[in-house]
Amino acid sequence: MVAGGKNCGTPRPQQGYSPHRSSGAARNKRGGSGFRGPPQEDLRRSGSTGSRHPRRGARPLLTIYADTSFFVSIYLKDAHSTTADLLLSRGARPCITPLHFAEWAHAIAQQVFRRQMTTAEANRVHQELHDDRTAGVWPSVDVPEAALDVCVDLGRRYGPKLGVRTLDSLHVACALELKAERFWTFDDRQLKLARTVGLKTT
């Protein structure tokens, strides 16, 4: 089960700045410096076949959608990084959308604003995510056209009961429109909403 955490705004590491390093042989191979996204070696071991870059206009097979808090926990060490690593160790890779990048940019900027990260460190972690996206570590998809309409519906139906906010509903709406089977998040509101609409969260 993805552990929930009270994350009511832009996702951010909860223990201050620290680059996230994966465990095991990959850590020993890369050494102790730099940021740690999923290493290419791990992606190959996961059993992926064929090109990692989807054909233009085609939608990659998607079984998992993760919100931005998950990606933050992958690249920056926080209270949920161990759980995020465990989920990735199963071999599946969640997709990434322009919504993730927009929210990610603000999450990292907040770290700099709070003096929990330097500008140079922020640039490095931005580059790490960019490099992994270019390498095809994360399947890239667009925000579905109907996601905003679904977001409105979710807000009206579940907002009064669950207290969900716009981004909570929008991420869940994207997952539904992309036909994801599972939803990974460390945000309590999104977790409750995802379960309510029938998404698996384990």
C-alpha atoms as a PDB file:
ATOM      1  CA  MET A   1       0.000   0.000   0.000  1.00  0.00           C
ATOM      2  CA  VAL A   2       1.295   3.447  -0.836  1.00  0.00           C
ATOM      3  CA  ALA A   3       1.679   5.279   2.419  1.00  0.00           C
ATOM      4  CA  GLY A   4      -0.267   8.506   2.606  1.00  0.00           C
ATOM      5  CA  GLY A   5       1.156  11.740   3.903  1.00  0.00           C
ATOM      6  CA  LYS A   6      -0.544  15.025   4.596  1.00  0.00           C
ATOM      7  CA  ASN A   7       0.527  16.904   1.515  1.00  0.00           C
ATOM      8  CA  CYS A   8      -1.902  19.755   1.029  1.00  0.00           C
ATOM      9  CA  GLY A   9       0.088  21.820  -1.453  1.00  0.00           C
ATOM     10  CA  THR A  10       2.963  21.459  -3.869  1.00  0.00           C
ATOM     11  CA  PRO A  11       4.754  18.167  -3.124  1.00  0.00           C
ATOM     12  CA  ARG A  12       8.097  18.550  -1.440  1.00  0.00           C
ATOM     13  CA  PRO A  13      10.599  16.494   0.540  1.00  0.00           C
ATOM     14  CA  GLN A  14       9.746  16.483   4.228  1.00  0.00           C
ATOM     15  CA  GLN A  15      13.281  16.302   5.656  1.00  0.00           C
ATOM     16  CA  GLY A  16      15.056  19.115   3.886  1.00  0.00           C
ATOM     17  CA  TYR A  17      17.289  18.801   0.865  1.00  0.00           C
ATOM     18  CA  SER A  18      19.193  15.595   0.270  1.00  0.00           C
ATOM     19  CA  PRO A  19      19.810  13.912  -3.088  1.00  0.00           C
ATOM     20  CA  HIS A  20      18.102  10.536  -3.224  1.00  0.00           C
ATOM     21  CA  ARG A  21      20.413   7.589  -3.845  1.00  0.00           C
ATOM     22  CA  SER A  22      19.142   4.140  -4.681  1.00  0.00           C
ATOM     23  CA  SER A  23      20.303   1.138  -2.701  1.00  0.00           C
ATOM     24  CA  GLY A  24      22.198  -1.998  -3.621  1.00  0.00           C
ATOM     25  CA  ALA A  25      24.594  -2.623  -6.481  1.00  0.00           C
ATOM     26  CA  ALA A  26      23.502   0.432  -8.433  1.00  0.00           C
ATOM     27  CA  ARG A  27      24.624   2.686  -5.588  1.00  0.00           C
ATOM     28  CA  ASN A  28      27.995   0.981  -5.388  1.00  0.00           C
ATOM     29  CA  LYS A  29      28.469   1.277  -9.126  1.00  0.00           C
ATOM     30  CA  ARG A  30      27.677   4.969  -9.322  1.00  0.00           C
ATOM     31  CA  GLY A  31      29.311   5.997  -6.099  1.00  0.00           C
ATOM     32  CA  GLY A  32      28.085   8.450  -3.518  1.00  0.00           C
ATOM     33  CA  SER A  33      27.605  11.636  -5.489  1.00  0.00           C
ATOM     34  CA  GLY A  34      24.835  13.028  -7.624  1.00  0.00           C
ATOM     35  CA  PHE A  35      21.087  12.636  -7.734  1.00  0.00           C
ATOM     36  CA  ARG A  36      19.502   9.254  -8.075  1.00  0.00           C
ATOM     37  CA  GLY A  37      16.711   8.631 -10.492  1.00  0.00           C
ATOM     38  CA  PRO A  38      16.042   5.054 -11.618  1.00  0.00           C
ATOM     39  CA  PRO A  39      19.304   3.777 -13.180  1.00  0.00           C
ATOM     40  CA  GLN A  40      19.201   2.553 -16.750  1.00  0.00           C
ATOM     41  CA  GLU A  41      20.496  -0.836 -15.587  1.00  0.00           C
ATOM     42  CA  ASP A  42      17.400  -1.307 -13.444  1.00  0.00           C
ATOM     43  CA  LEU A  43      15.127  -0.384 -16.346  1.00  0.00           C
ATOM     44  CA  ARG A  44      16.709  -3.035 -18.546  1.00  0.00           C
ATOM     45  CA  ARG A  45      16.433  -5.639 -15.808  1.00  0.00           C
ATOM     46  CA  SER A  46      12.725  -4.903 -15.413  1.00  0.00           C
ATOM     47  CA  GLY A  47      11.956  -6.922 -18.528  1.00  0.00           C
ATOM     48  CA  SER A  48      11.152  -4.071 -20.925  1.00  0.00           C
ATOM     49  CA  THR A  49      11.387  -5.043 -24.566  1.00  0.00           C
ATOM     50  CA  GLY A  50      11.622  -3.043 -27.742  1.00  0.00           C
ATOM     51  CA  SER A  51      12.015   0.709 -27.977  1.00  0.00           C
ATOM     52  CA  ARG A  52      11.537   2.705 -24.790  1.00  0.00           C
ATOM     53  CA  HIS A  53      10.435   5.709 -26.838  1.00  0.00           C
ATOM     54  CA  PRO A  54       6.790   5.443 -27.921  1.00  0.00           C
ATOM     55  CA  ARG A  55       5.956   6.141 -31.547  1.00  0.00           C
ATOM     56  CA  ARG A  56       4.673   9.670 -32.108  1.00  0.00           C
ATOM     57  CA  GLY A  57       0.908   9.650 -31.859  1.00  0.00           C
ATOM     58  CA  ALA A  58       0.840   6.309 -30.056  1.00  0.00           C
ATOM     59  CA  ARG A  59      -0.048   5.915 -26.402  1.00  0.00           C
ATOM     60  CA  PRO A  60       2.213   3.537 -24.446  1.00  0.00           C
ATOM     61  CA  LEU A  61       0.605   0.697 -22.534  1.00  0.00           C
ATOM     62  CA  LEU A  62      -0.106   2.187 -19.127  1.00  0.00           C
ATOM     63  CA  THR A  63      -0.953   0.326 -15.955  1.00  0.00           C
ATOM     64  CA  ILE A  64       0.310   2.793 -13.341  1.00  0.00           C
ATOM     65  CA  TYR A  65      -0.142   6.527 -12.824  1.00  0.00           C
ATOM     66  CA  ALA A  66       1.844   8.311 -10.119  1.00  0.00           C
ATOM     67  CA  ASP A  67       1.348  11.859  -8.914  1.00  0.00           C
ATOM     68  CA  THR A  68       4.179  14.352  -8.586  1.00  0.00           C
ATOM     69  CA  SER A  69       4.853  13.499  -4.939  1.00  0.00           C
ATOM     70  CA  PHE A  70       6.051  10.083  -6.109  1.00  0.00           C
ATOM     71  CA  PHE A  71       8.585  11.565  -8.537  1.00  0.00           C
ATOM     72  CA  VAL A  72       9.842  13.972  -5.871  1.00  0.00           C
ATOM     73  CA  SER A  73      10.486  11.014  -3.563  1.00  0.00           C
ATOM     74  CA  ILE A  74      12.454   9.270  -6.310  1.00  0.00           C
ATOM     75  CA  TYR A  75      14.826  12.150  -6.987  1.00  0.00           C
ATOM     76  CA  LEU A  76      15.068  13.748  -3.537  1.00  0.00           C
ATOM     77  CA  LYS A  77      15.522  11.832  -0.317  1.00  0.00           C
ATOM     78  CA  ASP A  78      12.454  12.147   1.894  1.00  0.00           C
ATOM     79  CA  ALA A  79      10.273  10.082   4.213  1.00  0.00           C
ATOM     80  CA  HIS A  80       8.712   8.198   1.287  1.00  0.00           C
ATOM     81  CA  SER A  81      11.816   7.436  -0.800  1.00  0.00           C
ATOM     82  CA  THR A  82      12.215   3.882   0.496  1.00  0.00           C
ATOM     83  CA  THR A  83       8.609   3.066  -0.409  1.00  0.00           C
ATOM     84  CA  ALA A  84       9.035   4.653  -3.845  1.00  0.00           C
ATOM     85  CA  ASP A  85      12.139   2.539  -4.485  1.00  0.00           C
ATOM     86  CA  LEU A  86      10.274  -0.597  -3.421  1.00  0.00           C
ATOM     87  CA  LEU A  87       7.425   0.118  -5.821  1.00  0.00           C
ATOM     88  CA  LEU A  88       9.838   0.672  -8.705  1.00  0.00           C
ATOM     89  CA  SER A  89      11.708  -2.529  -7.872  1.00  0.00           C
ATOM     90  CA  ARG A  90       8.681  -4.447  -9.153  1.00  0.00           C
ATOM     91  CA  GLY A  91       9.600  -3.344 -12.670  1.00  0.00           C
ATOM     92  CA  ALA A  92       6.666  -1.101 -13.576  1.00  0.00           C
ATOM     93  CA  ARG A  93       7.210   2.506 -14.653  1.00  0.00           C
ATOM     94  CA  PRO A  94       4.540   5.213 -14.250  1.00  0.00           C
ATOM     95  CA  CYS A  95       4.048   7.707 -17.041  1.00  0.00           C
ATOM     96  CA  ILE A  96       4.929  11.376 -16.852  1.00  0.00           C
ATOM     97  CA  THR A  97       2.895  14.261 -18.290  1.00  0.00           C
ATOM     98  CA  PRO A  98       3.289  18.031 -18.730  1.00  0.00           C
ATOM     99  CA  LEU A  99       1.246  18.366 -15.534  1.00  0.00           C
ATOM    100  CA  HIS A 100       3.968  16.545 -13.619  1.00  0.00           C
ATOM    101  CA  PHE A 101       6.660  18.831 -15.019  1.00  0.00           C
ATOM    102  CA  ALA A 102       4.691  21.963 -14.136  1.00  0.00           C
ATOM    103  CA  GLU A 103       4.130  20.815 -10.564  1.00  0.00           C
ATOM    104  CA  TRP A 104       7.691  19.492 -10.289  1.00  0.00           C
ATOM    105  CA  ALA A 105       9.143  22.887 -11.274  1.00  0.00           C
ATOM    106  CA  HIS A 106       7.250  24.573  -8.456  1.00  0.00           C
ATOM    107  CA  ALA A 107       8.146  21.857  -5.937  1.00  0.00           C
ATOM    108  CA  ILE A 108      11.863  22.317  -6.607  1.00  0.00           C
ATOM    109  CA  ALA A 109      11.513  26.111  -6.654  1.00  0.00           C
ATOM    110  CA  GLN A 110       9.921  25.948  -3.205  1.00  0.00           C
ATOM    111  CA  GLN A 111      12.979  24.074  -1.958  1.00  0.00           C
ATOM    112  CA  VAL A 112      15.210  26.911  -3.174  1.00  0.00           C
ATOM    113  CA  PHE A 113      12.868  29.546  -1.737  1.00  0.00           C
ATOM    114  CA  ARG A 114      13.000  27.863   1.681  1.00  0.00           C
ATOM    115  CA  ARG A 115      16.812  27.643   1.439  1.00  0.00           C
ATOM    116  CA  GLN A 116      16.641  23.865   1.605  1.00  0.00           C
ATOM    117  CA  MET A 117      18.380  23.613  -1.753  1.00  0.00           C
ATOM    118  CA  THR A 118      20.773  25.837  -3.695  1.00  0.00           C
ATOM    119  CA  THR A 119      20.108  26.993  -7.233  1.00  0.00           C
ATOM    120  CA  ALA A 120      22.950  24.781  -8.453  1.00  0.00           C
ATOM    121  CA  GLU A 121      21.439  21.759  -6.716  1.00  0.00           C
ATOM    122  CA  ALA A 122      18.042  22.552  -8.206  1.00  0.00           C
ATOM    123  CA  ASN A 123      19.557  22.732 -11.680  1.00  0.00           C
ATOM    124  CA  ARG A 124      21.191  19.345 -11.156  1.00  0.00           C
ATOM    125  CA  VAL A 125      17.986  17.612 -10.124  1.00  0.00           C
ATOM    126  CA  HIS A 126      16.094  19.248 -13.017  1.00  0.00           C
ATOM    127  CA  GLN A 127      18.753  17.880 -15.366  1.00  0.00           C
ATOM    128  CA  GLU A 128      18.507  14.419 -13.819  1.00  0.00           C
ATOM    129  CA  LEU A 129      14.775  14.235 -14.490  1.00  0.00           C
ATOM    130  CA  HIS A 130      15.258  15.635 -17.997  1.00  0.00           C
ATOM    131  CA  ASP A 131      17.944  13.058 -18.790  1.00  0.00           C
ATOM    132  CA  ASP A 132      15.809  10.180 -17.545  1.00  0.00           C
ATOM    133  CA  ARG A 133      12.850  11.396 -19.566  1.00  0.00           C
ATOM    134  CA  THR A 134      15.014  11.671 -22.688  1.00  0.00           C
ATOM    135  CA  ALA A 135      16.366   8.167 -22.078  1.00  0.00           C
ATOM    136  CA  GLY A 136      12.836   6.815 -21.928  1.00  0.00           C
ATOM    137  CA  VAL A 137      12.883   5.857 -18.253  1.00  0.00           C
ATOM    138  CA  TRP A 138       9.431   7.386 -17.844  1.00  0.00           C
ATOM    139  CA  PRO A 139       6.841   6.935 -20.631  1.00  0.00           C
ATOM    140  CA  SER A 140       5.792  10.428 -21.738  1.00  0.00           C
ATOM    141  CA  VAL A 141       2.128  11.086 -22.466  1.00  0.00           C
ATOM    142  CA  ASP A 142       0.019  14.204 -22.896  1.00  0.00           C
ATOM    143  CA  VAL A 143      -2.629  15.279 -20.437  1.00  0.00           C
ATOM    144  CA  PRO A 144      -5.833  13.679 -21.786  1.00  0.00           C
ATOM    145  CA  GLU A 145      -8.215  16.081 -23.499  1.00  0.00           C
ATOM    146  CA  ALA A 146     -11.125  15.184 -21.235  1.00  0.00           C
ATOM    147  CA  ALA A 147      -9.112  15.334 -18.005  1.00  0.00           C
ATOM    148  CA  LEU A 148     -10.305  18.820 -17.067  1.00  0.00           C
ATOM    149  CA  ASP A 149     -13.948  17.873 -17.557  1.00  0.00           C
ATOM    150  CA  VAL A 150     -13.449  14.775 -15.420  1.00  0.00           C
ATOM    151  CA  CYS A 151     -11.646  16.925 -12.843  1.00  0.00           C
ATOM    152  CA  VAL A 152     -14.691  19.198 -12.609  1.00  0.00           C
ATOM    153  CA  ASP A 153     -16.961  16.215 -12.111  1.00  0.00           C
ATOM    154  CA  LEU A 154     -14.718  14.721  -9.421  1.00  0.00           C
ATOM    155  CA  GLY A 155     -14.571  18.043  -7.604  1.00  0.00           C
ATOM    156  CA  ARG A 156     -18.334  18.418  -7.553  1.00  0.00           C
ATOM    157  CA  ARG A 157     -18.991  14.820  -6.554  1.00  0.00           C
ATOM    158  CA  TYR A 158     -16.244  14.194  -4.021  1.00  0.00           C
ATOM    159  CA  GLY A 159     -14.917  17.598  -2.987  1.00  0.00           C
ATOM    160  CA  PRO A 160     -17.574  18.122  -0.291  1.00  0.00           C
ATOM    161  CA  LYS A 161     -16.873  14.685   1.221  1.00  0.00           C
ATOM    162  CA  LEU A 162     -13.109  14.325   0.849  1.00  0.00           C
ATOM    163  CA  GLY A 163     -11.879  17.919   0.736  1.00  0.00           C
ATOM    164  CA  VAL A 164      -9.912  17.302  -2.455  1.00  0.00           C
ATOM    165  CA  ARG A 165      -8.321  20.227  -4.264  1.00  0.00           C
ATOM    166  CA  THR A 166      -7.929  20.949  -7.951  1.00  0.00           C
ATOM    167  CA  LEU A 167      -4.610  19.169  -8.470  1.00  0.00           C
ATOM    168  CA  ASP A 168      -5.797  16.177  -6.452  1.00  0.00           C
ATOM    169  CA  SER A 169      -8.778  15.711  -8.737  1.00  0.00           C
ATOM    170  CA  LEU A 170      -6.785  16.500 -11.877  1.00  0.00           C
ATOM    171  CA  HIS A 171      -4.191  13.787 -11.240  1.00  0.00           C
ATOM    172  CA  VAL A 172      -6.904  11.221 -10.540  1.00  0.00           C
ATOM    173  CA  ALA A 173      -8.783  12.395 -13.639  1.00  0.00           C
ATOM    174  CA  CYS A 174      -5.656  11.867 -15.746  1.00  0.00           C
ATOM    175  CA  ALA A 175      -5.255   8.367 -14.341  1.00  0.00           C
ATOM    176  CA  LEU A 176      -8.850   7.516 -15.172  1.00  0.00           C
ATOM    177  CA  GLU A 177      -8.662   8.922 -18.698  1.00  0.00           C
ATOM    178  CA  LEU A 178      -5.372   7.107 -19.353  1.00  0.00           C
ATOM    179  CA  LYS A 179      -7.038   3.865 -18.215  1.00  0.00           C
ATOM    180  CA  ALA A 180      -4.472   3.290 -15.485  1.00  0.00           C
ATOM    181  CA  GLU A 181      -5.091   0.347 -13.197  1.00  0.00           C
ATOM    182  CA  ARG A 182      -3.064   1.631 -10.261  1.00  0.00           C
ATOM    183  CA  PHE A 183      -2.427   5.023  -8.707  1.00  0.00           C
ATOM    184  CA  TRP A 184       0.689   5.794  -6.660  1.00  0.00           C
ATOM    185  CA  THR A 185       0.729   8.810  -4.367  1.00  0.00           C
ATOM    186  CA  PHE A 186       1.945   9.916  -0.949  1.00  0.00           C
ATOM    187  CA  ASP A 187      -0.848  12.475  -0.623  1.00  0.00           C
ATOM    188  CA  ASP A 188      -3.724  11.520   1.694  1.00  0.00           C
ATOM    189  CA  ARG A 189      -6.443  13.317  -0.269  1.00  0.00           C
ATOM    190  CA  GLN A 190      -5.424  11.841  -3.596  1.00  0.00           C
ATOM    191  CA  LEU A 191      -5.142   8.402  -2.015  1.00  0.00           C
ATOM    192  CA  LYS A 192      -8.704   8.572  -0.696  1.00  0.00           C
ATOM    193  CA  LEU A 193     -10.070   9.901  -3.981  1.00  0.00           C
ATOM    194  CA  ALA A 194      -8.252   7.275  -6.049  1.00  0.00           C
ATOM    195  CA  ARG A 195      -9.666   4.491  -3.907  1.00  0.00           C
ATOM    196  CA  THR A 196     -13.142   5.996  -4.016  1.00  0.00           C
ATOM    197  CA  VAL A 197     -13.224   5.940  -7.824  1.00  0.00           C
ATOM    198  CA  GLY A 198     -11.932   2.376  -7.989  1.00  0.00           C
ATOM    199  CA  LEU A 199      -8.208   2.775  -8.646  1.00  0.00           C
ATOM    200  CA  LYS A 200      -5.890   0.311  -6.938  1.00  0.00           C
ATOM    201  CA  THR A 201      -3.269   1.966  -4.740  1.00  0.00           C
ATOM    202  CA  THR A 202      -1.017  -0.980  -3.862  1.00  0.00           C
END
